[in-house]
C-alpha atoms as a PDB file:
ATOM      1  CA  UNK A   1      90.852-297.350 -94.031  1.00  0.00           C
ATOM      2  CA  UNK A   2      89.794-300.711 -95.518  1.00  0.00           C
ATOM      3  CA  UNK A   3      86.512-299.503 -98.108  1.00  0.00           C
ATOM      4  CA  UNK A   4      84.184-301.322 -96.049  1.00  0.00           C
ATOM      5  CA  UNK A   5      85.043-299.825 -92.628  1.00  0.00           C
ATOM      6  CA  UNK A   6      84.738-296.321 -94.041  1.00  0.00           C
ATOM      7  CA  UNK A   7      81.839-294.108 -93.098  1.00  0.00           C
ATOM      8  CA  UNK A   8      79.782-292.671 -95.915  1.00  0.00           C
ATOM      9  CA  UNK A   9      77.935-290.601 -94.164  1.00  0.00           C
ATOM     10  CA  UNK A  10      80.912-288.771 -93.231  1.00  0.00           C
ATOM     11  CA  UNK A  11      82.012-284.895 -95.270  1.00  0.00           C
ATOM     12  CA  UNK A  12      84.590-284.824 -97.087  1.00  0.00           C
ATOM     13  CA  UNK A  13      88.016-284.741 -95.088  1.00  0.00           C
ATOM     14  CA  UNK A  14      89.164-282.292 -98.420  1.00  0.00           C
ATOM     15  CA  UNK A  15      86.510-280.046 -97.944  1.00  0.00           C
ATOM     16  CA  UNK A  16      85.927-279.433 -94.490  1.00  0.00           C
ATOM     17  CA  UNK A  17      88.681-276.373 -93.058  1.00  0.00           C
ATOM     18  CA  UNK A  18      90.215-276.579 -89.936  1.00  0.00           C
ATOM     19  CA  UNK A  19      87.712-275.899 -87.137  1.00  0.00           C
ATOM     20  CA  UNK A  20      88.291-272.183 -85.514  1.00  0.00           C
ATOM     21  CA  UNK A  21      89.666-272.523 -81.472  1.00  0.00           C
ATOM     22  CA  UNK A  22      88.032-270.361 -79.060  1.00  0.00           C
ATOM     23  CA  UNK A  23      91.042-268.177 -79.098  1.00  0.00           C
ATOM     24  CA  UNK A  24      89.956-266.952 -82.647  1.00  0.00           C
ATOM     25  CA  UNK A  25      86.990-266.353 -82.175  1.00  0.00           C
ATOM     26  CA  UNK A  26      88.082-264.408 -79.257  1.00  0.00           C
ATOM     27  CA  UNK A  27      90.049-262.055 -80.998  1.00  0.00           C
ATOM     28  CA  UNK A  28      87.501-261.501 -83.538  1.00  0.00           C
ATOM     29  CA  UNK A  29      85.042-259.959 -80.796  1.00  0.00           C
ATOM     30  CA  UNK A  30      87.669-258.180 -79.839  1.00  0.00           C
ATOM     31  CA  UNK A  31      88.731-256.670 -82.963  1.00  0.00           C
ATOM     32  CA  UNK A  32      84.862-256.038 -83.808  1.00  0.00           C
ATOM     33  CA  UNK A  33      84.341-254.114 -80.098  1.00  0.00           C
ATOM     34  CA  UNK A  34      87.695-251.776 -80.949  1.00  0.00           C
ATOM     35  CA  UNK A  35      86.278-251.100 -84.142  1.00  0.00           C
ATOM     36  CA  UNK A  36      82.812-250.473 -83.736  1.00  0.00           C
ATOM     37  CA  UNK A  37      84.877-247.914 -80.800  1.00  0.00           C
ATOM     38  CA  UNK A  38      87.003-246.053 -82.913  1.00  0.00           C
ATOM     39  CA  UNK A  39      84.121-245.428 -85.927  1.00  0.00           C
ATOM     40  CA  UNK A  40      82.276-244.150 -82.527  1.00  0.00           C
ATOM     41  CA  UNK A  41      84.998-242.037 -81.669  1.00  0.00           C
ATOM     42  CA  UNK A  42      85.697-240.887 -85.628  1.00  0.00           C
ATOM     43  CA  UNK A  43      83.006-239.904 -86.660  1.00  0.00           C
ATOM     44  CA  UNK A  44      82.475-237.215 -84.253  1.00  0.00           C
ATOM     45  CA  UNK A  45      84.470-233.853 -85.917  1.00  0.00           C
ATOM     46  CA  UNK A  46      82.565-235.188 -89.325  1.00  0.00           C
ATOM     47  CA  UNK A  47      78.855-235.433 -88.168  1.00  0.00           C
ATOM     48  CA  UNK A  48      79.234-232.104 -86.724  1.00  0.00           C
ATOM     49  CA  UNK A  49      80.282-230.828 -89.417  1.00  0.00           C
ATOM     50  CA  UNK A  50      77.548-232.184 -91.900  1.00  0.00           C
ATOM     51  CA  UNK A  51      75.050-231.829 -89.994  1.00  0.00           C
ATOM     52  CA  UNK A  52      74.940-228.562 -89.956  1.00  0.00           C
ATOM     53  CA  UNK A  53      75.316-228.647 -93.835  1.00  0.00           C
ATOM     54  CA  UNK A  54      73.272-231.563 -94.908  1.00  0.00           C
ATOM     55  CA  UNK A  55      69.478-231.161 -95.755  1.00  0.00           C
ATOM     56  CA  UNK A  56      66.585-234.167 -93.863  1.00  0.00           C
ATOM     57  CA  UNK A  57      67.467-236.598 -96.865  1.00  0.00           C
ATOM     58  CA  UNK A  58      70.551-235.768 -96.982  1.00  0.00           C
ATOM     59  CA  UNK A  59      71.119-237.206 -93.431  1.00  0.00           C
ATOM     60  CA  UNK A  60      69.378-240.391 -94.913  1.00  0.00           C
ATOM     61  CA  UNK A  61      72.270-240.493 -97.197  1.00  0.00           C
ATOM     62  CA  UNK A  62      75.196-240.116 -94.740  1.00  0.00           C
ATOM     63  CA  UNK A  63      73.025-242.586 -92.236  1.00  0.00           C
ATOM     64  CA  UNK A  64      72.926-244.955 -94.908  1.00  0.00           C
ATOM     65  CA  UNK A  65      77.211-244.844 -96.074  1.00  0.00           C
ATOM     66  CA  UNK A  66      78.050-244.826 -92.076  1.00  0.00           C
ATOM     67  CA  UNK A  67      76.202-247.917 -92.139  1.00  0.00           C
ATOM     68  CA  UNK A  68      78.587-249.474 -95.219  1.00  0.00           C
ATOM     69  CA  UNK A  69      81.490-247.720 -93.929  1.00  0.00           C
ATOM     70  CA  UNK A  70      80.948-249.429 -90.869  1.00  0.00           C
ATOM     71  CA  UNK A  71      80.270-252.823 -92.265  1.00  0.00           C
ATOM     72  CA  UNK A  72      83.253-252.796 -94.376  1.00  0.00           C
ATOM     73  CA  UNK A  73      85.051-252.748 -91.470  1.00  0.00           C
ATOM     74  CA  UNK A  74      83.872-255.526 -90.255  1.00  0.00           C
ATOM     75  CA  UNK A  75      84.013-257.710 -92.492  1.00  0.00           C
ATOM     76  CA  UNK A  76      87.948-256.313 -92.362  1.00  0.00           C
ATOM     77  CA  UNK A  77      87.733-257.312 -88.954  1.00  0.00           C
ATOM     78  CA  UNK A  78      86.132-260.910 -90.086  1.00  0.00           C
ATOM     79  CA  UNK A  79      88.398-261.208 -92.964  1.00  0.00           C
ATOM     80  CA  UNK A  80      91.882-260.337 -92.437  1.00  0.00           C
ATOM     81  CA  UNK A  81      93.373-259.537 -89.267  1.00  0.00           C
ATOM     82  CA  UNK A  82      96.170-258.559 -89.822  1.00  0.00           C
ATOM     83  CA  UNK A  83      95.147-255.613 -91.784  1.00  0.00           C
ATOM     84  CA  UNK A  84      92.327-254.312 -89.686  1.00  0.00           C
ATOM     85  CA  UNK A  85      94.562-254.697 -86.794  1.00  0.00           C
ATOM     86  CA  UNK A  86      96.556-252.091 -88.176  1.00  0.00           C
ATOM     87  CA  UNK A  87      92.986-250.332 -89.294  1.00  0.00           C
ATOM     88  CA  UNK A  88      92.385-250.083 -85.938  1.00  0.00           C
ATOM     89  CA  UNK A  89      95.692-248.953 -84.695  1.00  0.00           C
ATOM     90  CA  UNK A  90      95.354-246.064 -87.704  1.00  0.00           C
ATOM     91  CA  UNK A  91      91.567-244.699 -86.500  1.00  0.00           C
ATOM     92  CA  UNK A  92      93.035-244.439 -82.938  1.00  0.00           C
ATOM     93  CA  UNK A  93      95.535-241.581 -84.995  1.00  0.00           C
ATOM     94  CA  UNK A  94      93.902-239.957 -87.140  1.00  0.00           C
ATOM     95  CA  UNK A  95      90.933-239.606 -84.249  1.00  0.00           C
ATOM     96  CA  UNK A  96      92.691-238.087 -82.439  1.00  0.00           C
ATOM     97  CA  UNK A  97      94.098-235.738 -84.984  1.00  0.00           C
ATOM     98  CA  UNK A  98      89.994-234.292 -84.091  1.00  0.00           C
ATOM     99  CA  UNK A  99      92.167-232.047 -81.857  1.00  0.00           C
ATOM    100  CA  UNK A 100      92.940-229.970 -84.927  1.00  0.00           C
ATOM    101  CA  UNK A 101      90.719-231.603 -87.775  1.00  0.00           C
ATOM    102  CA  UNK A 102      92.162-230.305 -90.720  1.00  0.00           C
ATOM    103  CA  UNK A 103      92.715-233.404 -91.670  1.00  0.00           C
ATOM    104  CA  UNK A 104      89.112-234.740 -91.506  1.00  0.00           C
ATOM    105  CA  UNK A 105      87.600-230.928 -93.268  1.00  0.00           C
ATOM    106  CA  UNK A 106      90.504-231.340 -96.478  1.00  0.00           C
ATOM    107  CA  UNK A 107      88.513-235.611 -96.374  1.00  0.00           C
ATOM    108  CA  UNK A 108      85.142-233.825 -96.045  1.00  0.00           C
ATOM    109  CA  UNK A 109      86.464-230.538 -98.751  1.00  0.00           C
ATOM    110  CA  UNK A 110      87.430-233.791-101.419  1.00  0.00           C
ATOM    111  CA  UNK A 111      83.739-235.367-100.451  1.00  0.00           C
ATOM    112  CA  UNK A 112      82.139-231.827-101.434  1.00  0.00           C
ATOM    113  CA  UNK A 113      83.726-231.362-104.623  1.00  0.00           C
ATOM    114  CA  UNK A 114      83.647-234.011-106.147  1.00  0.00           C
ATOM    115  CA  UNK A 115      79.372-234.485-105.251  1.00  0.00           C
ATOM    116  CA  UNK A 116      79.238-231.273-106.697  1.00  0.00           C
ATOM    117  CA  UNK A 117      80.629-232.645-109.883  1.00  0.00           C
ATOM    118  CA  UNK A 118      77.982-235.055-109.924  1.00  0.00           C
ATOM    119  CA  UNK A 119      75.625-232.911-108.976  1.00  0.00           C
ATOM    120  CA  UNK A 120      74.676-233.376-105.968  1.00  0.00           C
ATOM    121  CA  UNK A 121      75.259-230.285-103.880  1.00  0.00           C
ATOM    122  CA  UNK A 122      74.058-227.032-104.030  1.00  0.00           C
ATOM    123  CA  UNK A 123      75.662-224.054-102.578  1.00  0.00           C
ATOM    124  CA  UNK A 124      73.286-221.205-101.070  1.00  0.00           C
ATOM    125  CA  UNK A 125      73.511-217.842 -99.033  1.00  0.00           C
ATOM    126  CA  UNK A 126      75.662-220.032 -96.334  1.00  0.00           C
ATOM    127  CA  UNK A 127      77.482-222.485 -98.318  1.00  0.00           C
ATOM    128  CA  UNK A 128      77.318-225.326 -99.816  1.00  0.00           C
ATOM    129  CA  UNK A 129      74.040-227.598 -98.899  1.00  0.00           C
ATOM    130  CA  UNK A 130      73.164-231.599 -99.357  1.00  0.00           C
ATOM    131  CA  UNK A 131      69.305-231.912-100.105  1.00  0.00           C
ATOM    132  CA  UNK A 132      69.578-235.285-102.015  1.00  0.00           C
ATOM    133  CA  UNK A 133      69.951-238.743 -99.931  1.00  0.00           C
ATOM    134  CA  UNK A 134      72.685-239.603-102.842  1.00  0.00           C
ATOM    135  CA  UNK A 135      74.570-236.643-102.124  1.00  0.00           C
ATOM    136  CA  UNK A 136      74.495-237.665 -98.666  1.00  0.00           C
ATOM    137  CA  UNK A 137      75.296-241.310 -99.377  1.00  0.00           C
ATOM    138  CA  UNK A 138      78.355-239.749-101.491  1.00  0.00           C
ATOM    139  CA  UNK A 139      80.031-237.078 -99.504  1.00  0.00           C
ATOM    140  CA  UNK A 140      79.577-239.508 -96.566  1.00  0.00           C
ATOM    141  CA  UNK A 141      81.703-242.291 -98.735  1.00  0.00           C
ATOM    142  CA  UNK A 142      84.315-240.291-100.218  1.00  0.00           C
ATOM    143  CA  UNK A 143      85.057-238.878 -96.532  1.00  0.00           C
ATOM    144  CA  UNK A 144      84.749-241.478 -94.601  1.00  0.00           C
ATOM    145  CA  UNK A 145      86.811-243.577 -97.261  1.00  0.00           C
ATOM    146  CA  UNK A 146      89.561-241.110 -97.453  1.00  0.00           C
ATOM    147  CA  UNK A 147      89.239-241.311 -93.706  1.00  0.00           C
ATOM    148  CA  UNK A 148      89.738-245.192 -93.959  1.00  0.00           C
ATOM    149  CA  UNK A 149      91.932-245.584 -95.960  1.00  0.00           C
ATOM    150  CA  UNK A 150      94.834-242.651 -94.200  1.00  0.00           C
ATOM    151  CA  UNK A 151      93.932-244.680 -90.829  1.00  0.00           C
ATOM    152  CA  UNK A 152      94.685-248.442 -92.875  1.00  0.00           C
ATOM    153  CA  UNK A 153      97.604-247.025 -94.472  1.00  0.00           C
ATOM    154  CA  UNK A 154      99.139-245.192 -91.187  1.00  0.00           C
ATOM    155  CA  UNK A 155      98.367-248.218 -89.068  1.00  0.00           C
ATOM    156  CA  UNK A 156      99.872-250.683 -91.298  1.00  0.00           C
ATOM    157  CA  UNK A 157     102.936-248.545 -90.850  1.00  0.00           C
ATOM    158  CA  UNK A 158     103.205-248.323 -87.956  1.00  0.00           C
ATOM    159  CA  UNK A 159     102.543-251.776 -87.014  1.00  0.00           C
ATOM    160  CA  UNK A 160     105.913-252.648 -89.138  1.00  0.00           C
ATOM    161  CA  UNK A 161     108.224-249.466 -88.260  1.00  0.00           C
ATOM    162  CA  UNK A 162     107.431-250.160 -84.204  1.00  0.00           C
ATOM    163  CA  UNK A 163     110.197-252.014 -82.663  1.00  0.00           C
ATOM    164  CA  UNK A 164     109.574-255.566 -82.120  1.00  0.00           C
ATOM    165  CA  UNK A 165     109.235-255.216 -78.549  1.00  0.00           C
ATOM    166  CA  UNK A 166     106.482-253.089 -78.811  1.00  0.00           C
ATOM    167  CA  UNK A 167     104.392-255.735 -80.241  1.00  0.00           C
ATOM    168  CA  UNK A 168     103.551-257.402 -77.020  1.00  0.00           C
ATOM    169  CA  UNK A 169     100.452-255.654 -77.749  1.00  0.00           C
ATOM    170  CA  UNK A 170      98.125-257.909 -79.186  1.00  0.00           C
ATOM    171  CA  UNK A 171      96.748-255.180 -81.302  1.00  0.00           C
ATOM    172  CA  UNK A 172     100.675-253.869 -82.650  1.00  0.00           C
ATOM    173  CA  UNK A 173     101.894-257.701 -83.158  1.00  0.00           C
END
């Protein structure tokens, strides 16, 4: 292109990436919806157990950490779609383990152990109690982080080990 024909107001081609297609937006919307669904389902057992040992200010920390964990999952859905699909598949499997919640209890015990080591929980006559915002935040972040990590690893393994004929589903591909 001759210099005279070049538009000086046109954005540089090297900086402008390819535009996202409507299918990309639909895929992101599906991933975010699936993530929100499995996140809420996976909160059932941990909240059930944690609510009884957490004071009012500890619950504020629990909610804050839950928002952080949910946001991390949303970020993964938007930035690393393949990883997000593995996370969601694994989160479905982790949600199914809530029938016998040994995994959730073990993750919660590890979260409480970290809080105890940091002096963020106290043992009362009926067991551990989280009374501070930071304590609730740490226990929830550790517990949720363990469960999210296991979900991601499990889901990615399931995706890799499934026969290719089963991968017609957009979530397993």
